[in-house]
């Protein structure tokens, strides 16, 4: 229901530095088979080959996300 500009404004206002995808039709999630499109918030972590490495179907805190990202960062 939000506009792309509203998303950009939100990220700027809250100092978010991680990538975010504006995809109202949900095409990106459809390509990532098996990920629910109606869950908010939703965090998907991709590995270096752009495969789904982790999915969080709830609000994520740094202490939950960091170990996953660190594990993926050490993969070849």
N, C-alpha and C. Protein backbone atom coordinates (compact mmCIF):
# COMPACT_ATOMS: atom_id res chain seq x y z
N UNK A 1 0.81 -1.20 0.00
CA UNK A 1 0.00 0.00 0.00
C UNK A 1 0.85 1.26 0.00
N UNK A 2 2.12 1.10 0.28
CA UNK A 2 3.00 2.27 0.31
C UNK A 2 3.54 2.57 -1.08
N UNK A 3 3.96 3.80 -1.23
CA UNK A 3 4.61 4.18 -2.49
C UNK A 3 6.11 3.94 -2.34
N UNK A 4 6.79 3.92 -3.46
CA UNK A 4 8.24 3.74 -3.41
C UNK A 4 8.89 4.90 -2.66
N UNK A 5 8.40 6.10 -2.86
CA UNK A 5 8.97 7.26 -2.17
C UNK A 5 8.77 7.15 -0.66
N UNK A 6 7.62 6.61 -0.23
CA UNK A 6 7.39 6.43 1.21
C UNK A 6 8.42 5.47 1.79
N UNK A 7 8.77 4.43 1.05
CA UNK A 7 9.80 3.49 1.50
C UNK A 7 11.16 4.15 1.58
N UNK A 8 11.49 4.95 0.58
CA UNK A 8 12.77 5.68 0.58
C UNK A 8 12.82 6.64 1.77
N UNK A 9 11.73 7.34 2.00
CA UNK A 9 11.67 8.29 3.11
C UNK A 9 11.82 7.57 4.46
N UNK A 10 11.16 6.43 4.60
CA UNK A 10 11.24 5.64 5.83
C UNK A 10 12.69 5.23 6.09
N UNK A 11 13.33 4.69 5.07
CA UNK A 11 14.73 4.24 5.22
C UNK A 11 15.63 5.41 5.60
N UNK A 12 15.44 6.54 4.96
CA UNK A 12 16.26 7.71 5.28
C UNK A 12 15.98 8.21 6.69
N UNK A 13 14.71 8.34 7.05
CA UNK A 13 14.34 8.87 8.36
C UNK A 13 14.86 8.01 9.51
N UNK A 14 14.93 6.70 9.30
CA UNK A 14 15.38 5.79 10.36
C UNK A 14 16.83 5.36 10.19
N UNK A 15 17.52 5.94 9.21
CA UNK A 15 18.94 5.66 9.02
C UNK A 15 19.24 4.23 8.61
N UNK A 16 18.32 3.60 7.90
CA UNK A 16 18.53 2.22 7.47
C UNK A 16 19.58 2.18 6.37
N UNK A 17 20.50 1.24 6.48
CA UNK A 17 21.59 1.17 5.51
C UNK A 17 21.58 -0.15 4.73
N UNK A 18 20.69 -1.06 5.10
CA UNK A 18 20.64 -2.34 4.40
C UNK A 18 19.77 -2.21 3.14
N UNK A 19 20.01 -3.06 2.15
CA UNK A 19 19.22 -2.99 0.92
C UNK A 19 17.77 -3.38 1.19
N UNK A 20 16.89 -2.74 0.47
CA UNK A 20 15.47 -3.01 0.56
C UNK A 20 14.91 -3.05 -0.86
N UNK A 21 13.96 -3.93 -1.09
CA UNK A 21 13.39 -4.10 -2.42
C UNK A 21 11.96 -3.57 -2.43
N UNK A 22 11.65 -2.70 -3.37
CA UNK A 22 10.28 -2.23 -3.58
C UNK A 22 9.68 -3.10 -4.68
N UNK A 23 8.75 -3.96 -4.30
CA UNK A 23 8.21 -4.94 -5.23
C UNK A 23 6.74 -5.19 -4.94
N UNK A 24 5.88 -4.18 -5.19
CA UNK A 24 4.46 -4.34 -4.86
C UNK A 24 3.79 -5.57 -5.47
N UNK A 25 4.10 -5.96 -6.71
CA UNK A 25 3.44 -7.16 -7.22
C UNK A 25 3.98 -8.46 -6.63
N UNK A 26 5.09 -8.40 -5.88
CA UNK A 26 5.64 -9.58 -5.24
C UNK A 26 6.39 -10.51 -6.18
N UNK A 27 6.84 -10.02 -7.31
CA UNK A 27 7.56 -10.87 -8.27
C UNK A 27 8.86 -11.43 -7.69
N UNK A 28 9.54 -10.64 -6.90
CA UNK A 28 10.81 -11.10 -6.31
C UNK A 28 10.57 -12.28 -5.39
N UNK A 29 9.56 -12.18 -4.53
CA UNK A 29 9.27 -13.29 -3.61
C UNK A 29 8.77 -14.52 -4.36
N UNK A 30 8.04 -14.32 -5.44
CA UNK A 30 7.60 -15.47 -6.24
C UNK A 30 8.80 -16.23 -6.80
N UNK A 31 9.84 -15.50 -7.18
CA UNK A 31 11.05 -16.13 -7.71
C UNK A 31 11.79 -16.91 -6.63
N UNK A 32 11.60 -16.56 -5.38
CA UNK A 32 12.26 -17.22 -4.25
C UNK A 32 11.37 -18.31 -3.67
N UNK A 33 10.76 -19.08 -4.47
CA UNK A 33 9.85 -20.18 -4.15
C UNK A 33 9.74 -20.53 -2.66
N UNK A 34 8.51 -20.60 -2.20
CA UNK A 34 8.25 -21.08 -0.85
C UNK A 34 8.26 -20.02 0.23
N UNK A 35 8.51 -18.77 -0.15
CA UNK A 35 8.53 -17.69 0.86
C UNK A 35 7.16 -17.01 0.86
N UNK A 36 6.51 -16.93 2.01
CA UNK A 36 5.18 -16.31 2.03
C UNK A 36 5.24 -14.84 1.64
N UNK A 37 4.27 -14.41 0.87
CA UNK A 37 4.25 -13.02 0.39
C UNK A 37 3.48 -12.11 1.33
N UNK A 38 2.70 -12.66 2.23
CA UNK A 38 1.82 -11.82 3.04
C UNK A 38 2.34 -11.55 4.44
N UNK A 39 3.53 -12.01 4.78
CA UNK A 39 4.07 -11.83 6.12
C UNK A 39 4.84 -10.51 6.20
N UNK A 40 4.49 -9.71 7.19
CA UNK A 40 5.19 -8.45 7.43
C UNK A 40 5.45 -8.37 8.92
N UNK A 41 6.65 -8.13 9.36
CA UNK A 41 7.86 -7.96 8.56
C UNK A 41 8.41 -9.30 8.08
N UNK A 42 9.20 -9.23 7.03
CA UNK A 42 9.82 -10.40 6.44
C UNK A 42 11.26 -10.05 6.11
N UNK A 43 12.18 -10.88 6.55
CA UNK A 43 13.60 -10.68 6.22
C UNK A 43 14.10 -11.95 5.56
N UNK A 44 14.67 -11.79 4.37
CA UNK A 44 15.24 -12.91 3.63
C UNK A 44 16.73 -12.62 3.47
N UNK A 45 17.56 -13.58 3.87
CA UNK A 45 19.01 -13.45 3.74
C UNK A 45 19.44 -14.36 2.60
N UNK A 46 20.17 -13.80 1.65
CA UNK A 46 20.66 -14.57 0.51
C UNK A 46 22.14 -14.86 0.68
N UNK A 47 22.58 -16.01 0.15
CA UNK A 47 24.00 -16.32 0.18
C UNK A 47 24.69 -15.69 -1.04
N UNK A 48 25.97 -15.99 -1.21
CA UNK A 48 26.74 -15.39 -2.30
C UNK A 48 26.25 -15.82 -3.68
N UNK A 49 25.55 -16.93 -3.74
CA UNK A 49 25.01 -17.40 -5.02
C UNK A 49 23.55 -16.96 -5.19
N UNK A 50 23.11 -16.05 -4.33
CA UNK A 50 21.75 -15.49 -4.36
C UNK A 50 20.68 -16.55 -4.07
N UNK A 51 21.05 -17.55 -3.28
CA UNK A 51 20.09 -18.54 -2.81
C UNK A 51 19.61 -18.13 -1.42
N UNK A 52 18.41 -18.54 -1.08
CA UNK A 52 17.86 -18.23 0.24
C UNK A 52 18.65 -18.99 1.30
N UNK A 53 19.26 -18.25 2.21
CA UNK A 53 20.04 -18.85 3.28
C UNK A 53 19.28 -18.84 4.60
N UNK A 54 18.40 -17.87 4.77
CA UNK A 54 17.61 -17.78 6.00
C UNK A 54 16.38 -16.92 5.75
N UNK A 55 15.31 -17.24 6.46
CA UNK A 55 14.07 -16.48 6.38
C UNK A 55 13.59 -16.21 7.79
N UNK A 56 13.30 -14.96 8.07
CA UNK A 56 12.74 -14.56 9.37
C UNK A 56 11.34 -14.02 9.11
N UNK A 57 10.35 -14.63 9.74
CA UNK A 57 8.96 -14.22 9.54
C UNK A 57 8.46 -13.39 10.73
N UNK A 58 9.37 -12.61 11.27
CA UNK A 58 9.06 -11.77 12.44
C UNK A 58 10.10 -10.65 12.48
N UNK A 59 9.93 -9.74 13.38
CA UNK A 59 10.93 -8.68 13.55
C UNK A 59 12.25 -9.32 13.94
N UNK A 60 13.32 -8.84 13.36
CA UNK A 60 14.64 -9.42 13.59
C UNK A 60 15.51 -8.42 14.33
N UNK A 61 16.19 -8.91 15.35
CA UNK A 61 17.14 -8.08 16.08
C UNK A 61 18.55 -8.43 15.61
N UNK A 62 19.46 -7.52 15.79
CA UNK A 62 20.84 -7.72 15.34
C UNK A 62 21.43 -9.01 15.89
N UNK A 63 21.15 -9.34 17.15
CA UNK A 63 21.74 -10.55 17.74
C UNK A 63 21.21 -11.82 17.08
N UNK A 64 20.05 -11.76 16.42
CA UNK A 64 19.52 -12.91 15.69
C UNK A 64 20.08 -12.98 14.27
N UNK A 65 20.24 -11.84 13.66
CA UNK A 65 20.67 -11.76 12.26
C UNK A 65 22.18 -11.89 12.10
N UNK A 66 22.93 -11.34 13.00
CA UNK A 66 24.38 -11.30 12.88
C UNK A 66 25.03 -12.68 12.72
N UNK A 67 24.67 -13.69 13.51
CA UNK A 67 25.30 -15.00 13.32
C UNK A 67 25.04 -15.58 11.93
N UNK A 68 23.86 -15.36 11.39
CA UNK A 68 23.54 -15.86 10.05
C UNK A 68 24.39 -15.17 9.01
N UNK A 69 24.49 -13.86 9.10
CA UNK A 69 25.28 -13.09 8.14
C UNK A 69 26.76 -13.44 8.27
N UNK A 70 27.24 -13.61 9.49
CA UNK A 70 28.65 -13.99 9.68
C UNK A 70 28.94 -15.36 9.10
N UNK A 71 28.04 -16.30 9.27
CA UNK A 71 28.23 -17.64 8.71
C UNK A 71 28.30 -17.58 7.19
N UNK A 72 27.41 -16.82 6.59
CA UNK A 72 27.39 -16.69 5.13
C UNK A 72 28.65 -15.97 4.65
N UNK A 73 29.11 -14.99 5.39
CA UNK A 73 30.31 -14.24 5.00
C UNK A 73 31.55 -15.10 4.98
N UNK A 74 31.57 -16.18 5.74
CA UNK A 74 32.75 -17.05 5.77
C UNK A 74 32.71 -18.13 4.70
N UNK A 75 31.57 -18.27 4.03
CA UNK A 75 31.46 -19.27 2.97
C UNK A 75 32.26 -18.82 1.74
N UNK A 76 32.83 -19.78 1.02
CA UNK A 76 33.61 -19.42 -0.19
C UNK A 76 32.71 -18.90 -1.30
